[in-house]
Full PDB file with SEQRES, HELIX, SHEET, SSBOND, CRYST1, ORIGX, SCALE, CONECT and MASTER records, all heavy atoms in Angstrom:
SEQRES   1 A   30  GLU VAL CYS LYS LEU LYS TYR ASP MET SER LYS PHE LEU          
SEQRES   2 A   30  GLU LEU LEU ALA ILE ALA ILE VAL ALA ASP MET MET GLU          
SEQRES   3 A   30  LEU ARG ASP LEU                                              
HELIX    1 AA1 MET A    9  PHE A   12  5                                   4    
HELIX    2 AA2 LEU A   13  ALA A   22  1                                  10    
CRYST1    1.000    1.000    1.000  90.00  90.00  90.00 P 1           1          
ORIGX1      1.000000  0.000000  0.000000        0.00000                         
ORIGX2      0.000000  1.000000  0.000000        0.00000                         
ORIGX3      0.000000  0.000000  1.000000        0.00000                         
SCALE1      1.000000  0.000000  0.000000        0.00000                         
SCALE2      0.000000  1.000000  0.000000        0.00000                         
SCALE3      0.000000  0.000000  1.000000        0.00000                         
ATOM      1  N   GLU A   1       0.813  -1.204   0.000  1.00  0.00           N  
ATOM      2  CA  GLU A   1      -0.003  -0.002   0.001  1.00  0.00           C  
ATOM      3  C   GLU A   1       0.864   1.268   0.003  1.00  0.00           C  
ATOM      4  O   GLU A   1       0.628   2.173  -0.800  1.00  0.00           O  
ATOM      5  CB  GLU A   1      -0.866  -0.018   1.270  1.00  0.00           C  
ATOM      6  CG  GLU A   1      -2.308   0.342   1.028  1.00  0.00           C  
ATOM      7  CD  GLU A   1      -3.099   0.201   2.307  1.00  0.00           C  
ATOM      8  OE1 GLU A   1      -3.347  -0.951   2.735  1.00  0.00           O  
ATOM      9  OE2 GLU A   1      -3.453   1.237   2.896  1.00  0.00           O  
ATOM     10  N   VAL A   2       1.865   1.310   0.894  1.00  0.00           N  
ATOM     11  CA  VAL A   2       2.667   2.551   0.986  1.00  0.00           C  
ATOM     12  C   VAL A   2       3.555   2.738  -0.242  1.00  0.00           C  
ATOM     13  O   VAL A   2       3.897   3.856  -0.604  1.00  0.00           O  
ATOM     14  CB  VAL A   2       3.494   2.660   2.301  1.00  0.00           C  
ATOM     15  CG1 VAL A   2       2.592   2.635   3.521  1.00  0.00           C  
ATOM     16  CG2 VAL A   2       4.578   1.605   2.389  1.00  0.00           C  
ATOM     17  N   CYS A   3       3.910   1.627  -0.884  1.00  0.00           N  
ATOM     18  CA  CYS A   3       4.727   1.728  -2.112  1.00  0.00           C  
ATOM     19  C   CYS A   3       3.869   1.865  -3.370  1.00  0.00           C  
ATOM     20  O   CYS A   3       4.390   1.920  -4.492  1.00  0.00           O  
ATOM     21  CB  CYS A   3       5.634   0.495  -2.262  1.00  0.00           C  
ATOM     22  SG  CYS A   3       6.917   0.398  -1.013  1.00  0.00           S  
ATOM     23  N   LYS A   4       2.527   1.884  -3.174  1.00  0.00           N  
ATOM     24  CA  LYS A   4       1.555   1.986  -4.288  1.00  0.00           C  
ATOM     25  C   LYS A   4       1.835   0.948  -5.373  1.00  0.00           C  
ATOM     26  O   LYS A   4       1.925   1.254  -6.566  1.00  0.00           O  
ATOM     27  CB  LYS A   4       1.575   3.413  -4.883  1.00  0.00           C  
ATOM     28  CG  LYS A   4       1.138   4.470  -3.871  1.00  0.00           C  
ATOM     29  CD  LYS A   4       1.053   5.846  -4.511  1.00  0.00           C  
ATOM     30  CE  LYS A   4       0.435   6.894  -3.600  1.00  0.00           C  
ATOM     31  NZ  LYS A   4       1.088   7.037  -2.281  1.00  0.00           N  
ATOM     32  N   LEU A   5       1.990  -0.310  -4.955  1.00  0.00           N  
ATOM     33  CA  LEU A   5       2.300  -1.397  -5.885  1.00  0.00           C  
ATOM     34  C   LEU A   5       1.038  -2.133  -6.299  1.00  0.00           C  
ATOM     35  O   LEU A   5       0.121  -2.310  -5.498  1.00  0.00           O  
ATOM     36  CB  LEU A   5       3.231  -2.416  -5.215  1.00  0.00           C  
ATOM     37  CG  LEU A   5       4.638  -1.968  -4.840  1.00  0.00           C  
ATOM     38  CD1 LEU A   5       5.301  -3.044  -3.987  1.00  0.00           C  
ATOM     39  CD2 LEU A   5       5.481  -1.708  -6.078  1.00  0.00           C  
ATOM     40  N   LYS A   6       1.017  -2.586  -7.541  1.00  0.00           N  
ATOM     41  CA  LYS A   6      -0.044  -3.522  -7.984  1.00  0.00           C  
ATOM     42  C   LYS A   6       0.528  -4.906  -7.711  1.00  0.00           C  
ATOM     43  O   LYS A   6       1.491  -5.328  -8.370  1.00  0.00           O  
ATOM     44  CB  LYS A   6      -0.264  -3.337  -9.487  1.00  0.00           C  
ATOM     45  CG  LYS A   6      -1.539  -2.574  -9.842  1.00  0.00           C  
ATOM     46  CD  LYS A   6      -1.819  -2.696 -11.336  1.00  0.00           C  
ATOM     47  CE  LYS A   6      -3.237  -2.519 -11.760  1.00  0.00           C  
ATOM     48  NZ  LYS A   6      -4.057  -1.545 -11.104  1.00  0.00           N  
ATOM     49  N   TYR A   7      -0.004  -5.575  -6.720  1.00  0.00           N  
ATOM     50  CA  TYR A   7       0.601  -6.856  -6.320  1.00  0.00           C  
ATOM     51  C   TYR A   7      -0.484  -7.748  -5.724  1.00  0.00           C  
ATOM     52  O   TYR A   7      -1.275  -7.300  -4.898  1.00  0.00           O  
ATOM     53  CB  TYR A   7       1.704  -6.609  -5.286  1.00  0.00           C  
ATOM     54  CG  TYR A   7       2.586  -7.817  -5.017  1.00  0.00           C  
ATOM     55  CD1 TYR A   7       3.743  -8.023  -5.753  1.00  0.00           C  
ATOM     56  CD2 TYR A   7       2.240  -8.741  -4.035  1.00  0.00           C  
ATOM     57  CE1 TYR A   7       4.538  -9.142  -5.528  1.00  0.00           C  
ATOM     58  CE2 TYR A   7       3.034  -9.866  -3.806  1.00  0.00           C  
ATOM     59  CZ  TYR A   7       4.190 -10.042  -4.560  1.00  0.00           C  
ATOM     60  OH  TYR A   7       4.981 -11.159  -4.345  1.00  0.00           O  
ATOM     61  N   ASP A   8      -0.519  -9.013  -6.146  1.00  0.00           N  
ATOM     62  CA  ASP A   8      -1.578  -9.932  -5.713  1.00  0.00           C  
ATOM     63  C   ASP A   8      -1.133 -10.679  -4.452  1.00  0.00           C  
ATOM     64  O   ASP A   8      -0.380 -11.646  -4.528  1.00  0.00           O  
ATOM     65  CB  ASP A   8      -1.882 -10.912  -6.850  1.00  0.00           C  
ATOM     66  CG  ASP A   8      -3.005 -11.872  -6.482  1.00  0.00           C  
ATOM     67  OD1 ASP A   8      -3.633 -11.651  -5.422  1.00  0.00           O  
ATOM     68  OD2 ASP A   8      -3.243 -12.825  -7.235  1.00  0.00           O  
ATOM     69  N   MET A   9      -1.608 -10.223  -3.294  1.00  0.00           N  
ATOM     70  CA  MET A   9      -1.211 -10.847  -2.025  1.00  0.00           C  
ATOM     71  C   MET A   9      -1.790 -12.268  -1.878  1.00  0.00           C  
ATOM     72  O   MET A   9      -1.322 -13.045  -1.040  1.00  0.00           O  
ATOM     73  CB  MET A   9      -1.682  -9.989  -0.833  1.00  0.00           C  
ATOM     74  CG  MET A   9      -1.029  -8.622  -0.736  1.00  0.00           C  
ATOM     75  SD  MET A   9       0.787  -8.700  -0.621  1.00  0.00           S  
ATOM     76  CE  MET A   9       1.024  -9.530   0.935  1.00  0.00           C  
ATOM     77  N   SER A  10      -2.791 -12.613  -2.711  1.00  0.00           N  
ATOM     78  CA  SER A  10      -3.390 -13.946  -2.577  1.00  0.00           C  
ATOM     79  C   SER A  10      -2.451 -15.045  -3.102  1.00  0.00           C  
ATOM     80  O   SER A  10      -2.712 -16.226  -2.901  1.00  0.00           O  
ATOM     81  CB  SER A  10      -4.741 -14.027  -3.299  1.00  0.00           C  
ATOM     82  OG  SER A  10      -4.539 -13.999  -4.688  1.00  0.00           O  
ATOM     83  N   LYS A  11      -1.348 -14.647  -3.755  1.00  0.00           N  
ATOM     84  CA  LYS A  11      -0.405 -15.669  -4.245  1.00  0.00           C  
ATOM     85  C   LYS A  11       0.228 -16.457  -3.084  1.00  0.00           C  
ATOM     86  O   LYS A  11       0.793 -17.530  -3.274  1.00  0.00           O  
ATOM     87  CB  LYS A  11       0.682 -15.043  -5.126  1.00  0.00           C  
ATOM     88  CG  LYS A  11       1.725 -14.222  -4.362  1.00  0.00           C  
ATOM     89  CD  LYS A  11       2.881 -13.775  -5.255  1.00  0.00           C  
ATOM     90  CE  LYS A  11       3.853 -14.883  -5.505  1.00  0.00           C  
ATOM     91  NZ  LYS A  11       5.141 -14.434  -6.077  1.00  0.00           N  
ATOM     92  N   PHE A  12       0.100 -15.907  -1.855  1.00  0.00           N  
ATOM     93  CA  PHE A  12       0.713 -16.558  -0.709  1.00  0.00           C  
ATOM     94  C   PHE A  12      -0.278 -17.422   0.109  1.00  0.00           C  
ATOM     95  O   PHE A  12       0.110 -17.975   1.132  1.00  0.00           O  
ATOM     96  CB  PHE A  12       1.346 -15.514   0.223  1.00  0.00           C  
ATOM     97  CG  PHE A  12       2.463 -14.737  -0.419  1.00  0.00           C  
ATOM     98  CD1 PHE A  12       2.373 -13.356  -0.552  1.00  0.00           C  
ATOM     99  CD2 PHE A  12       3.588 -15.373  -0.910  1.00  0.00           C  
ATOM    100  CE1 PHE A  12       3.394 -12.627  -1.160  1.00  0.00           C  
ATOM    101  CE2 PHE A  12       4.613 -14.666  -1.506  1.00  0.00           C  
ATOM    102  CZ  PHE A  12       4.521 -13.287  -1.646  1.00  0.00           C  
ATOM    103  N   LEU A  13      -1.531 -17.520  -0.350  1.00  0.00           N  
ATOM    104  CA  LEU A  13      -2.532 -18.246   0.441  1.00  0.00           C  
ATOM    105  C   LEU A  13      -2.146 -19.720   0.638  1.00  0.00           C  
ATOM    106  O   LEU A  13      -2.396 -20.300   1.685  1.00  0.00           O  
ATOM    107  CB  LEU A  13      -3.914 -18.157  -0.224  1.00  0.00           C  
ATOM    108  CG  LEU A  13      -4.584 -16.781  -0.220  1.00  0.00           C  
ATOM    109  CD1 LEU A  13      -5.914 -16.834  -0.953  1.00  0.00           C  
ATOM    110  CD2 LEU A  13      -4.789 -16.275   1.208  1.00  0.00           C  
ATOM    111  N   GLU A  14      -1.536 -20.316  -0.379  1.00  0.00           N  
ATOM    112  CA  GLU A  14      -1.133 -21.728  -0.274  1.00  0.00           C  
ATOM    113  C   GLU A  14      -0.136 -21.928   0.869  1.00  0.00           C  
ATOM    114  O   GLU A  14      -0.199 -22.895   1.620  1.00  0.00           O  
ATOM    115  CB  GLU A  14      -0.515 -22.191  -1.608  1.00  0.00           C  
ATOM    116  CG  GLU A  14       0.559 -21.259  -2.098  1.00  0.00           C  
ATOM    117  CD  GLU A  14       1.158 -21.616  -3.453  1.00  0.00           C  
ATOM    118  OE1 GLU A  14       0.396 -22.117  -4.287  1.00  0.00           O  
ATOM    119  OE2 GLU A  14       2.352 -21.390  -3.639  1.00  0.00           O  
ATOM    120  N   LEU A  15       0.789 -20.962   1.003  1.00  0.00           N  
ATOM    121  CA  LEU A  15       1.802 -21.072   2.061  1.00  0.00           C  
ATOM    122  C   LEU A  15       1.206 -20.748   3.425  1.00  0.00           C  
ATOM    123  O   LEU A  15       1.526 -21.391   4.427  1.00  0.00           O  
ATOM    124  CB  LEU A  15       2.974 -20.112   1.776  1.00  0.00           C  
ATOM    125  CG  LEU A  15       3.825 -20.455   0.551  1.00  0.00           C  
ATOM    126  CD1 LEU A  15       4.837 -19.355   0.278  1.00  0.00           C  
ATOM    127  CD2 LEU A  15       4.551 -21.788   0.736  1.00  0.00           C  
ATOM    128  N   LEU A  16       0.309 -19.753   3.472  1.00  0.00           N  
ATOM    129  CA  LEU A  16      -0.314 -19.389   4.749  1.00  0.00           C  
ATOM    130  C   LEU A  16      -1.110 -20.562   5.331  1.00  0.00           C  
ATOM    131  O   LEU A  16      -1.071 -20.809   6.529  1.00  0.00           O  
ATOM    132  CB  LEU A  16      -1.276 -18.202   4.553  1.00  0.00           C  
ATOM    133  CG  LEU A  16      -0.638 -16.821   4.323  1.00  0.00           C  
ATOM    134  CD1 LEU A  16      -1.732 -15.790   4.101  1.00  0.00           C  
ATOM    135  CD2 LEU A  16       0.232 -16.403   5.497  1.00  0.00           C  
ATOM    136  N   ALA A  17      -1.814 -21.290   4.457  1.00  0.00           N  
ATOM    137  CA  ALA A  17      -2.613 -22.431   4.925  1.00  0.00           C  
ATOM    138  C   ALA A  17      -1.730 -23.439   5.659  1.00  0.00           C  
ATOM    139  O   ALA A  17      -2.102 -23.978   6.710  1.00  0.00           O  
ATOM    140  CB  ALA A  17      -3.317 -23.105   3.738  1.00  0.00           C  
ATOM    141  N   ILE A  18      -0.542 -23.682   5.131  1.00  0.00           N  
ATOM    142  CA  ILE A  18       0.374 -24.657   5.730  1.00  0.00           C  
ATOM    143  C   ILE A  18       0.865 -24.159   7.083  1.00  0.00           C  
ATOM    144  O   ILE A  18       0.893 -24.898   8.066  1.00  0.00           O  
ATOM    145  CB  ILE A  18       1.554 -24.937   4.765  1.00  0.00           C  
ATOM    146  CG1 ILE A  18       1.037 -25.669   3.528  1.00  0.00           C  
ATOM    147  CG2 ILE A  18       2.657 -25.741   5.451  1.00  0.00           C  
ATOM    148  CD1 ILE A  18       2.015 -25.723   2.377  1.00  0.00           C  
ATOM    149  N   ALA A  19       1.223 -22.867   7.159  1.00  0.00           N  
ATOM    150  CA  ALA A  19       1.718 -22.308   8.430  1.00  0.00           C  
ATOM    151  C   ALA A  19       0.639 -22.312   9.501  1.00  0.00           C  
ATOM    152  O   ALA A  19       0.894 -22.636  10.656  1.00  0.00           O  
ATOM    153  CB  ALA A  19       2.228 -20.891   8.186  1.00  0.00           C  
ATOM    154  N   ILE A  20      -0.603 -21.969   9.127  1.00  0.00           N  
ATOM    155  CA  ILE A  20      -1.709 -21.907  10.089  1.00  0.00           C  
ATOM    156  C   ILE A  20      -1.960 -23.294  10.691  1.00  0.00           C  
ATOM    157  O   ILE A  20      -2.092 -23.438  11.912  1.00  0.00           O  
ATOM    158  CB  ILE A  20      -3.004 -21.362   9.408  1.00  0.00           C  
ATOM    159  CG1 ILE A  20      -2.833 -19.881   9.040  1.00  0.00           C  
ATOM    160  CG2 ILE A  20      -4.223 -21.530  10.336  1.00  0.00           C  
ATOM    161  CD1 ILE A  20      -3.909 -19.350   8.067  1.00  0.00           C  
ATOM    162  N   VAL A  21      -2.021 -24.311   9.834  1.00  0.00           N  
ATOM    163  CA  VAL A  21      -2.278 -25.673  10.309  1.00  0.00           C  
ATOM    164  C   VAL A  21      -1.096 -26.186  11.126  1.00  0.00           C  
ATOM    165  O   VAL A  21      -1.269 -26.725  12.224  1.00  0.00           O  
ATOM    166  CB  VAL A  21      -2.592 -26.623   9.121  1.00  0.00           C  
ATOM    167  CG1 VAL A  21      -2.650 -28.076   9.588  1.00  0.00           C  
ATOM    168  CG2 VAL A  21      -3.898 -26.227   8.448  1.00  0.00           C  
ATOM    169  N   ALA A  22       0.116 -25.987  10.607  1.00  0.00           N  
ATOM    170  CA  ALA A  22       1.318 -26.519  11.289  1.00  0.00           C  
ATOM    171  C   ALA A  22       1.513 -25.881  12.656  1.00  0.00           C  
ATOM    172  O   ALA A  22       1.987 -26.536  13.578  1.00  0.00           O  
ATOM    173  CB  ALA A  22       2.551 -26.289  10.414  1.00  0.00           C  
ATOM    174  N   ASP A  23       1.142 -24.598  12.796  1.00  0.00           N  
ATOM    175  CA  ASP A  23       1.381 -23.911  14.058  1.00  0.00           C  
ATOM    176  C   ASP A  23       0.182 -24.026  15.015  1.00  0.00           C  
ATOM    177  O   ASP A  23       0.113 -23.317  16.005  1.00  0.00           O  
ATOM    178  CB  ASP A  23       1.729 -22.431  13.818  1.00  0.00           C  
ATOM    179  CG  ASP A  23       2.915 -21.998  14.679  1.00  0.00           C  
ATOM    180  OD1 ASP A  23       3.908 -22.747  14.726  1.00  0.00           O  
ATOM    181  OD2 ASP A  23       2.850 -20.926  15.312  1.00  0.00           O  
ATOM    182  N   MET A  24      -0.744 -24.922  14.679  1.00  0.00           N  
ATOM    183  CA  MET A  24      -1.897 -25.227  15.532  1.00  0.00           C  
ATOM    184  C   MET A  24      -2.708 -23.988  15.917  1.00  0.00           C  
ATOM    185  O   MET A  24      -3.083 -23.785  17.068  1.00  0.00           O  
ATOM    186  CB  MET A  24      -1.434 -25.950  16.801  1.00  0.00           C  
ATOM    187  CG  MET A  24      -0.913 -27.359  16.539  1.00  0.00           C  
ATOM    188  SD  MET A  24      -0.119 -28.061  17.997  1.00  0.00           S  
ATOM    189  CE  MET A  24      -1.501 -28.167  19.119  1.00  0.00           C  
ATOM    190  N   MET A  25      -2.953 -23.142  14.927  1.00  0.00           N  
ATOM    191  CA  MET A  25      -3.813 -21.977  15.170  1.00  0.00           C  
ATOM    192  C   MET A  25      -5.280 -22.424  15.214  1.00  0.00           C  
ATOM    193  O   MET A  25      -5.636 -23.450  14.653  1.00  0.00           O  
ATOM    194  CB  MET A  25      -3.636 -20.929  14.062  1.00  0.00           C  
ATOM    195  CG  MET A  25      -2.249 -20.276  14.047  1.00  0.00           C  
ATOM    196  SD  MET A  25      -1.910 -19.327  15.544  1.00  0.00           S  
ATOM    197  CE  MET A  25      -0.805 -20.418  16.423  1.00  0.00           C  
ATOM    198  N   GLU A  26      -6.116 -21.624  15.856  1.00  0.00           N  
ATOM    199  CA  GLU A  26      -7.545 -21.932  15.940  1.00  0.00           C  
ATOM    200  C   GLU A  26      -8.134 -21.930  14.522  1.00  0.00           C  
ATOM    201  O   GLU A  26      -8.015 -20.936  13.815  1.00  0.00           O  
ATOM    202  CB  GLU A  26      -8.269 -20.874  16.777  1.00  0.00           C  
ATOM    203  CG  GLU A  26      -7.772 -20.833  18.201  1.00  0.00           C  
ATOM    204  CD  GLU A  26      -8.497 -19.781  19.040  1.00  0.00           C  
ATOM    205  OE1 GLU A  26      -9.337 -19.052  18.489  1.00  0.00           O  
ATOM    206  OE2 GLU A  26      -8.223 -19.711  20.250  1.00  0.00           O  
ATOM    207  N   LEU A  27      -8.789 -23.024  14.147  1.00  0.00           N  
ATOM    208  CA  LEU A  27      -9.333 -23.104  12.796  1.00  0.00           C  
ATOM    209  C   LEU A  27     -10.775 -22.599  12.752  1.00  0.00           C  
ATOM    210  O   LEU A  27     -11.725 -23.349  12.496  1.00  0.00           O  
ATOM    211  CB  LEU A  27      -9.213 -24.534  12.262  1.00  0.00           C  
ATOM    212  CG  LEU A  27      -7.760 -24.938  11.973  1.00  0.00           C  
ATOM    213  CD1 LEU A  27      -7.681 -26.357  11.442  1.00  0.00           C  
ATOM    214  CD2 LEU A  27      -7.088 -23.996  10.991  1.00  0.00           C  
ATOM    215  N   ARG A  28     -10.907 -21.341  13.083  1.00  0.00           N  
ATOM    216  CA  ARG A  28     -12.195 -20.665  12.989  1.00  0.00           C  
ATOM    217  C   ARG A  28     -11.923 -19.269  12.467  1.00  0.00           C  
ATOM    218  O   ARG A  28     -10.773 -18.867  12.293  1.00  0.00           O  
ATOM    219  CB  ARG A  28     -12.910 -20.639  14.351  1.00  0.00           C  
ATOM    220  CG  ARG A  28     -12.107 -19.971  15.450  1.00  0.00           C  
ATOM    221  CD  ARG A  28     -12.816 -19.970  16.780  1.00  0.00           C  
ATOM    222  NE  ARG A  28     -12.125 -19.101  17.723  1.00  0.00           N  
ATOM    223  CZ  ARG A  28     -12.322 -17.789  17.819  1.00  0.00           C  
ATOM    224  NH1 ARG A  28     -13.203 -17.182  17.054  1.00  0.00           N  
ATOM    225  NH2 ARG A  28     -11.646 -17.072  18.699  1.00  0.00           N  
ATOM    226  N   ASP A  29     -13.009 -18.538  12.166  1.00  0.00           N  
ATOM    227  CA  ASP A  29     -12.919 -17.159  11.737  1.00  0.00           C  
ATOM    228  C   ASP A  29     -11.957 -17.022  10.548  1.00  0.00           C  
ATOM    229  O   ASP A  29     -11.994 -17.821   9.632  1.00  0.00           O  
ATOM    230  CB  ASP A  29     -12.490 -16.263  12.923  1.00  0.00           C  
ATOM    231  CG  ASP A  29     -12.999 -14.833  12.760  1.00  0.00           C  
ATOM    232  OD1 ASP A  29     -12.327 -14.050  12.063  1.00  0.00           O  
ATOM    233  OD2 ASP A  29     -14.073 -14.490  13.294  1.00  0.00           O  
ATOM    234  N   LEU A  30     -11.082 -16.010  10.577  1.00  0.00           N  
ATOM    235  CA  LEU A  30     -10.267 -15.745   9.384  1.00  0.00           C  
ATOM    236  C   LEU A  30      -9.306 -16.890   9.072  1.00  0.00           C  
ATOM    237  O   LEU A  30      -8.981 -17.142   7.912  1.00  0.00           O  
ATOM    238  CB  LEU A  30      -9.504 -14.421   9.521  1.00  0.00           C  
ATOM    239  CG  LEU A  30      -8.412 -14.317  10.567  1.00  0.00           C  
ATOM    240  CD1 LEU A  30      -7.051 -14.360   9.907  1.00  0.00           C  
ATOM    241  CD2 LEU A  30      -8.555 -13.002  11.301  1.00  0.00           C  
TER     242      LEU A  30                                                      
MASTER        0    0    0    2    0    0    0    6  241    1    0    3          
END                                                                             
């Protein structure tokens, strides 16, 4: 946002899913 870049942050969703599950985060809400 501060660099005013056109960039698709959703490209990292595959990696985030792995980190969330592996780190035993609560699997509710976001």
